[in-house]
């Protein structure tokens, strides 16, 4: 069963940056469209960024993060990244990765991002 291990979260001041990583334990990782999701306090989990399989040519960003977040992938390392810049307090959430197309895998533990001064 595919597993996702997210890391890289932490406490950062508004305007700061973080880089999240997600290690994926699946041999077919290269073919999967992958997404980063977040769950803010009291809210449902939402998709914030998506990257297509293979070269990752096609990418999608939620309006709330466009221009600030960048999703990327390293197929050799079975890893998906989320570079987050110009962070805002409203970005505070638990961040998760998972497949963005087809049946999702079991959700990992996520990584907590807290944006506060």
C-alpha atoms as a PDB file:
ATOM      1  CA  UNK A   1       0.000   0.000   0.000  1.00  0.00           C
ATOM      2  CA  UNK A   2       1.343   3.406  -0.952  1.00  0.00           C
ATOM      3  CA  UNK A   3       2.554   5.552   1.921  1.00  0.00           C
ATOM      4  CA  UNK A   4       3.184   9.272   2.128  1.00  0.00           C
ATOM      5  CA  UNK A   5       5.626  10.829   4.572  1.00  0.00           C
ATOM      6  CA  UNK A   6       5.434  14.602   4.776  1.00  0.00           C
ATOM      7  CA  UNK A   7       8.099  16.799   6.374  1.00  0.00           C
ATOM      8  CA  UNK A   8       9.440  20.328   6.451  1.00  0.00           C
ATOM      9  CA  UNK A   9       6.738  22.152   8.356  1.00  0.00           C
ATOM     10  CA  UNK A  10       7.317  24.465  11.268  1.00  0.00           C
ATOM     11  CA  UNK A  11       6.725  27.878  12.755  1.00  0.00           C
ATOM     12  CA  UNK A  12       7.517  30.824  10.508  1.00  0.00           C
ATOM     13  CA  UNK A  13       6.809  34.538  10.608  1.00  0.00           C
ATOM     14  CA  UNK A  14       4.526  36.180   8.056  1.00  0.00           C
ATOM     15  CA  UNK A  15       6.433  36.747   4.831  1.00  0.00           C
ATOM     16  CA  UNK A  16       8.711  33.814   5.484  1.00  0.00           C
ATOM     17  CA  UNK A  17       9.308  30.657   3.479  1.00  0.00           C
ATOM     18  CA  UNK A  18       9.201  26.915   3.976  1.00  0.00           C
ATOM     19  CA  UNK A  19       9.858  23.938   1.738  1.00  0.00           C
ATOM     20  CA  UNK A  20       7.748  20.858   2.314  1.00  0.00           C
ATOM     21  CA  UNK A  21       8.762  17.392   1.157  1.00  0.00           C
ATOM     22  CA  UNK A  22       6.680  14.278   0.629  1.00  0.00           C
ATOM     23  CA  UNK A  23       8.343  10.905   0.218  1.00  0.00           C
ATOM     24  CA  UNK A  24       6.151   8.417  -1.635  1.00  0.00           C
ATOM     25  CA  UNK A  25       6.603   4.672  -1.329  1.00  0.00           C
ATOM     26  CA  UNK A  26       5.303   3.485  -4.691  1.00  0.00           C
ATOM     27  CA  UNK A  27       7.194   2.147  -7.652  1.00  0.00           C
ATOM     28  CA  UNK A  28       4.721   3.718 -10.083  1.00  0.00           C
ATOM     29  CA  UNK A  29       5.170   7.166  -8.520  1.00  0.00           C
ATOM     30  CA  UNK A  30       6.464   8.631 -11.761  1.00  0.00           C
ATOM     31  CA  UNK A  31       3.101   8.073 -13.441  1.00  0.00           C
ATOM     32  CA  UNK A  32       0.953   9.646 -10.741  1.00  0.00           C
ATOM     33  CA  UNK A  33      -0.467  13.146 -10.725  1.00  0.00           C
ATOM     34  CA  UNK A  34       0.342  14.297  -7.214  1.00  0.00           C
ATOM     35  CA  UNK A  35      -1.172  16.977  -5.062  1.00  0.00           C
ATOM     36  CA  UNK A  36      -0.493  18.940  -1.925  1.00  0.00           C
ATOM     37  CA  UNK A  37      -3.504  19.443   0.296  1.00  0.00           C
ATOM     38  CA  UNK A  38      -4.046  21.374   3.500  1.00  0.00           C
ATOM     39  CA  UNK A  39      -6.529  21.353   6.300  1.00  0.00           C
ATOM     40  CA  UNK A  40      -6.911  24.608   8.169  1.00  0.00           C
ATOM     41  CA  UNK A  41      -8.455  24.673  11.643  1.00  0.00           C
ATOM     42  CA  UNK A  42     -12.191  24.150  11.405  1.00  0.00           C
ATOM     43  CA  UNK A  43     -12.072  23.686   7.622  1.00  0.00           C
ATOM     44  CA  UNK A  44     -12.248  20.763   5.234  1.00  0.00           C
ATOM     45  CA  UNK A  45      -9.145  19.474   3.525  1.00  0.00           C
ATOM     46  CA  UNK A  46      -8.493  21.363   0.279  1.00  0.00           C
ATOM     47  CA  UNK A  47      -6.204  20.942  -2.712  1.00  0.00           C
ATOM     48  CA  UNK A  48      -3.633  23.721  -2.949  1.00  0.00           C
ATOM     49  CA  UNK A  49      -1.368  22.460  -5.755  1.00  0.00           C
ATOM     50  CA  UNK A  50      -1.193  19.623  -8.263  1.00  0.00           C
ATOM     51  CA  UNK A  51       1.520  18.375 -10.605  1.00  0.00           C
ATOM     52  CA  UNK A  52       1.137  15.932 -13.473  1.00  0.00           C
ATOM     53  CA  UNK A  53       3.040  12.683 -13.732  1.00  0.00           C
ATOM     54  CA  UNK A  54       6.217  12.222 -15.718  1.00  0.00           C
ATOM     55  CA  UNK A  55       7.970  15.531 -16.277  1.00  0.00           C
ATOM     56  CA  UNK A  56       5.419  17.434 -14.232  1.00  0.00           C
ATOM     57  CA  UNK A  57       4.721  19.777 -17.116  1.00  0.00           C
ATOM     58  CA  UNK A  58       1.169  20.571 -16.039  1.00  0.00           C
ATOM     59  CA  UNK A  59       0.636  22.288 -12.698  1.00  0.00           C
ATOM     60  CA  UNK A  60      -2.384  23.719 -10.931  1.00  0.00           C
ATOM     61  CA  UNK A  61      -2.574  26.102  -7.995  1.00  0.00           C
ATOM     62  CA  UNK A  62      -5.478  27.239  -5.894  1.00  0.00           C
ATOM     63  CA  UNK A  63      -6.167  30.954  -6.229  1.00  0.00           C
ATOM     64  CA  UNK A  64      -5.158  31.531  -2.626  1.00  0.00           C
ATOM     65  CA  UNK A  65      -1.576  30.346  -3.227  1.00  0.00           C
ATOM     66  CA  UNK A  66      -0.940  31.277  -6.871  1.00  0.00           C
ATOM     67  CA  UNK A  67       2.269  33.230  -7.231  1.00  0.00           C
ATOM     68  CA  UNK A  68       3.495  32.223  -3.775  1.00  0.00           C
ATOM     69  CA  UNK A  69       3.670  28.408  -3.812  1.00  0.00           C
ATOM     70  CA  UNK A  70       5.528  26.173  -6.274  1.00  0.00           C
ATOM     71  CA  UNK A  71       5.033  22.428  -6.581  1.00  0.00           C
ATOM     72  CA  UNK A  72       7.746  20.226  -8.041  1.00  0.00           C
ATOM     73  CA  UNK A  73       8.757  16.577  -8.138  1.00  0.00           C
ATOM     74  CA  UNK A  74      11.903  14.471  -8.255  1.00  0.00           C
ATOM     75  CA  UNK A  75      10.982  11.112  -9.760  1.00  0.00           C
ATOM     76  CA  UNK A  76      14.401   9.651  -8.998  1.00  0.00           C
ATOM     77  CA  UNK A  77      13.719  10.255  -5.298  1.00  0.00           C
ATOM     78  CA  UNK A  78       9.982   9.498  -5.353  1.00  0.00           C
ATOM     79  CA  UNK A  79       9.473  12.883  -3.724  1.00  0.00           C
ATOM     80  CA  UNK A  80       7.127  15.812  -4.218  1.00  0.00           C
ATOM     81  CA  UNK A  81       7.988  19.286  -2.928  1.00  0.00           C
ATOM     82  CA  UNK A  82       6.032  22.411  -2.093  1.00  0.00           C
ATOM     83  CA  UNK A  83       8.008  25.633  -1.926  1.00  0.00           C
ATOM     84  CA  UNK A  84       6.000  28.179   0.016  1.00  0.00           C
ATOM     85  CA  UNK A  85       7.010  31.835  -0.087  1.00  0.00           C
ATOM     86  CA  UNK A  86       5.425  34.998   1.279  1.00  0.00           C
ATOM     87  CA  UNK A  87       3.567  32.972   3.845  1.00  0.00           C
ATOM     88  CA  UNK A  88       0.487  34.445   5.471  1.00  0.00           C
ATOM     89  CA  UNK A  89      -1.239  33.617   8.758  1.00  0.00           C
ATOM     90  CA  UNK A  90      -4.094  32.094   6.750  1.00  0.00           C
ATOM     91  CA  UNK A  91      -1.666  29.503   5.383  1.00  0.00           C
ATOM     92  CA  UNK A  92      -1.543  27.963   8.846  1.00  0.00           C
ATOM     93  CA  UNK A  93      -2.662  24.371   8.398  1.00  0.00           C
ATOM     94  CA  UNK A  94      -1.668  20.744   8.372  1.00  0.00           C
ATOM     95  CA  UNK A  95      -0.270  19.939   4.923  1.00  0.00           C
ATOM     96  CA  UNK A  96      -0.589  16.545   3.251  1.00  0.00           C
ATOM     97  CA  UNK A  97       0.331  15.007  -0.075  1.00  0.00           C
ATOM     98  CA  UNK A  98      -1.566  12.342  -1.976  1.00  0.00           C
ATOM     99  CA  UNK A  99      -2.505  11.286  -5.463  1.00  0.00           C
ATOM    100  CA  UNK A 100      -4.583  13.967  -7.154  1.00  0.00           C
ATOM    101  CA  UNK A 101      -6.132  11.702  -9.800  1.00  0.00           C
ATOM    102  CA  UNK A 102      -7.762   8.329  -9.244  1.00  0.00           C
ATOM    103  CA  UNK A 103      -8.167   6.565  -5.942  1.00  0.00           C
ATOM    104  CA  UNK A 104      -6.224   8.396  -3.223  1.00  0.00           C
ATOM    105  CA  UNK A 105      -3.927   6.469  -0.972  1.00  0.00           C
ATOM    106  CA  UNK A 106      -4.134   6.384   2.778  1.00  0.00           C
ATOM    107  CA  UNK A 107      -3.400   9.827   4.184  1.00  0.00           C
ATOM    108  CA  UNK A 108      -0.114  10.323   5.976  1.00  0.00           C
ATOM    109  CA  UNK A 109       0.467  12.177   9.223  1.00  0.00           C
ATOM    110  CA  UNK A 110       0.930  15.478   7.462  1.00  0.00           C
ATOM    111  CA  UNK A 111       3.247  18.295   8.467  1.00  0.00           C
ATOM    112  CA  UNK A 112       2.098  21.315  10.453  1.00  0.00           C
ATOM    113  CA  UNK A 113       2.763  24.810   9.155  1.00  0.00           C
ATOM    114  CA  UNK A 114       2.145  27.698  11.518  1.00  0.00           C
ATOM    115  CA  UNK A 115       2.526  31.268  10.312  1.00  0.00           C
ATOM    116  CA  UNK A 116       2.610  33.678  13.205  1.00  0.00           C
ATOM    117  CA  UNK A 117       4.593  36.585  14.560  1.00  0.00           C
END
